[in-house]
């Protein structure tokens, strides 16, 4: 298996530093490499307004300087490269680089202003989460301060389409990093008021057992995974019930509305982001065949 490539959408901001730091942790754990990418927008470079060569050179030099600063913060010995690209949008530029390099993941940070350890999705992340054929890693605010090694990969499993791709990616990442694997089923119980709480717990347990049993059946014979079910009045409550390690990453599948081999952040994953204290990786419904990631 070739070393995984992590394409990082880098800006000279805290969120850019969060994305670079998380990518470095993942690449260090998996023996991969980090490709730091700054995208400069093509606005004003058309035929109507001739480009100013000196200004373009200045902006490109500034972007290269930002990337040099990002490289200085990477762990010593980590394989890396930097790229300055022009594109119509930041997300489009990242996708172009990811396609060219055969990237395994695209890593972006939370939008500025988010609470420490939580997410506020900006325009770039939202665009990627509706168009990428490559798994997208979302770095929460403050990820740059986390020094714990990668210890556990959690897959949030369900019965909707896309579970096979999710399990395959979770198993691959756990095998590459040496982290343990956990399968989690989030169960929300919405029954009429007055129903016996024992009935509610039984209904939730039955559903969770079914979900986890199906997920376990999809694991390779030599893979051992912990399985946990969390119940709550909401997805947020269920997420809060689980224990989360500092060195943990959670994988979720795309919505059933996603086009094959593309992402679409579903309602469950979006709700998880409101409470989740660890990085999230959103996996396309089905994998792109080689040479079909454009």
Foldseek 3Di string as FASTA:
>chain_A
DDQAEEEEAADLDLFNLLQLQVVLLLCVLQVHAYEYEYEDECPQCDPVHPDDVVVVVVVVVVVVVSVVVSVVPHDPPGHYYYYYYYDNDSLVVSLVVCLVVVHQEYETEADPPDDALFHHHDPNNQVQQQFFLHKYKYGYRPSSVQDDHAAEEEEAWDDAFQLLVSLVVSVVSCVSRVHAYEYEYEDAFDDDPPPDVVVSVVVQVVRQVVGVVVSVVSDPPPHDYHYYYFYDNALLNRLVVDDDDSNYEYEYEADSPHDASGHHHDPSNVSNRRRRSGMYIYHYSHHDDPPGRD
